[in-house]
Structure formats: C-alpha cells, structure tokens
Amino acid sequence: MMCGAPSATQPATAEIQAVADQVKAQLEEKENKKFSLFKAVEFKSQVVAGRNFFIKVQVDDEEFVHLRVFESLPHENKPPALASYQTNKARHDELSYF
C-alpha cells in the first residue's frame, strides 16, 4: 500500500469489527437510533497521520452504512473517532472513499 492512498477493498476482519464497535455509540447518537445489527462487511484503510478506516457495516437485512473512522497514532492514546458516515447504502454499493 502506498502511503496516503487507500488500500483495496478487503473482507472485514475481527480487528475491523472491533474498530466499528468502538464507534457504534457515536453513530447511534448522531442518527438518534439504536442498531441491533452492526456487522462490518468490508473495509479499506488509508495511512495518514494515523489511519483512516472506511468500513461498510450492515445495520439491517438490506441496509448498510459507510463509516470513516480515524485512528490516531498510538502515542496519542485516543480511541477511534467517527469522522464521517453515509447512510442508506445497499449491499451492492461500492465502499466510497469520502
């Protein structure tokens, strides 16, 4: 992977699910709703001054959200933060770089 360029889309891993789980409450607060299903499906990552994760998360049978999560550098000792998100996505929607 080239520094600054996002990786290719990959299937979600346990690590990516853990990152998504850490920002779930932030999304629920912004959307003013609770998600009983919150399953990371695929992701891209980008090395910046930390890492951006672009994660497709299934929140209903046919509904997905795209998350951009920023993970700061380890020495900053900060939890992952929900930087932005897109709702009303479908299974076939390509994971966008936003």
Protein backbone atom coordinates (compact mmCIF):
# COMPACT_ATOMS: atom_id res chain seq x y z
CA MET A 1 0.00 0.00 0.00
CA MET A 2 1.25 3.45 -0.90
CA CYS A 3 1.26 5.99 1.94
CA GLY A 4 -1.76 8.26 1.57
CA ALA A 5 -3.58 6.04 -0.91
CA PRO A 6 -6.43 3.86 0.31
CA SER A 7 -5.99 0.10 0.19
CA ALA A 8 -8.08 -2.17 -1.98
CA THR A 9 -11.41 -3.24 -0.54
CA GLN A 10 -11.00 -6.29 1.69
CA PRO A 11 -13.36 -8.51 3.71
CA ALA A 12 -13.80 -7.26 7.27
CA THR A 13 -11.68 -8.88 9.97
CA ALA A 14 -12.16 -9.20 13.72
CA GLU A 15 -9.92 -6.13 14.13
CA ILE A 16 -12.16 -4.09 11.82
CA GLN A 17 -15.30 -5.28 13.63
CA ALA A 18 -13.70 -4.11 16.89
CA VAL A 19 -12.99 -0.67 15.36
CA ALA A 20 -16.59 -0.43 14.12
CA ASP A 21 -17.90 -1.49 17.53
CA GLN A 22 -15.90 1.32 19.17
CA VAL A 23 -17.71 3.99 17.11
CA LYS A 24 -21.18 2.40 17.13
CA ALA A 25 -22.38 4.59 20.02
CA GLN A 26 -21.13 7.72 18.21
CA LEU A 27 -23.19 6.79 15.13
CA GLU A 28 -26.24 5.92 17.21
CA GLU A 29 -26.05 9.32 18.90
CA LYS A 30 -25.73 11.18 15.59
CA GLU A 31 -28.58 9.22 13.98
CA ASN A 32 -30.69 9.16 17.18
CA LYS A 33 -31.37 5.44 16.81
CA LYS A 34 -30.08 2.11 18.07
CA PHE A 35 -28.71 -0.56 15.75
CA SER A 36 -29.37 -4.14 16.87
CA LEU A 37 -27.33 -5.40 13.91
CA PHE A 38 -23.89 -3.81 13.38
CA LYS A 39 -21.77 -6.16 11.29
CA ALA A 40 -18.65 -4.95 9.48
CA VAL A 41 -18.67 -6.45 5.99
CA GLU A 42 -15.72 -4.93 4.15
CA PHE A 43 -13.19 -2.15 4.54
CA LYS A 44 -10.40 -0.05 3.10
CA SER A 45 -7.64 1.58 5.10
CA GLN A 46 -5.50 4.64 4.50
CA VAL A 47 -2.27 5.61 6.24
CA VAL A 48 -2.24 9.29 7.15
CA ALA A 49 -1.03 10.83 10.44
CA GLY A 50 -2.69 7.77 11.93
CA ARG A 51 -5.10 5.59 9.94
CA ASN A 52 -8.45 6.11 8.29
CA PHE A 53 -10.73 3.11 8.01
CA PHE A 54 -13.57 3.12 5.50
CA ILE A 55 -15.95 0.42 6.72
CA LYS A 56 -19.17 -0.93 5.22
CA VAL A 57 -21.43 -2.01 8.09
CA GLN A 58 -24.67 -3.95 7.77
CA VAL A 59 -27.34 -2.44 10.05
CA ASP A 60 -30.47 -4.20 8.72
CA ASP A 61 -31.32 -7.01 6.29
CA GLU A 62 -30.88 -4.72 3.29
CA GLU A 63 -29.44 -1.52 4.80
CA PHE A 64 -25.79 -0.61 5.18
CA VAL A 65 -23.85 2.42 6.37
CA HIS A 66 -20.39 3.52 5.29
CA LEU A 67 -18.17 4.76 8.11
CA ARG A 68 -14.95 6.74 8.02
CA VAL A 69 -13.14 6.10 11.29
CA PHE A 70 -9.93 7.86 12.26
CA GLU A 71 -7.46 6.01 14.46
CA SER A 72 -4.78 8.35 15.83
CA LEU A 73 -1.15 7.40 16.32
CA PRO A 74 -0.52 5.09 19.30
CA HIS A 75 1.39 7.67 21.36
CA GLU A 76 -1.66 10.00 21.29
CA ASN A 77 -3.60 7.37 23.28
CA LYS A 78 -7.01 8.31 21.83
CA PRO A 79 -9.85 5.96 20.91
CA PRO A 80 -11.03 5.64 17.30
CA ALA A 81 -13.32 8.51 16.25
CA LEU A 82 -16.20 8.51 13.79
CA ALA A 83 -15.03 11.14 11.27
CA SER A 84 -17.97 10.89 8.86
CA TYR A 85 -20.57 8.45 7.60
CA GLN A 86 -23.08 7.78 4.84
CA THR A 87 -26.45 6.12 5.43
CA ASN A 88 -29.00 4.36 3.21
CA LYS A 89 -26.41 2.27 1.40
CA ALA A 90 -27.16 -1.08 -0.24
CA ARG A 91 -25.16 -4.31 -0.32
CA HIS A 92 -24.02 -3.66 -3.91
CA ASP A 93 -22.92 -0.04 -3.29
CA GLU A 94 -19.18 0.30 -3.66
CA LEU A 95 -17.44 1.37 -0.48
CA SER A 96 -16.69 5.00 -1.11
CA TYR A 97 -13.61 6.97 -0.23
CA PHE A 98 -15.13 10.03 1.48
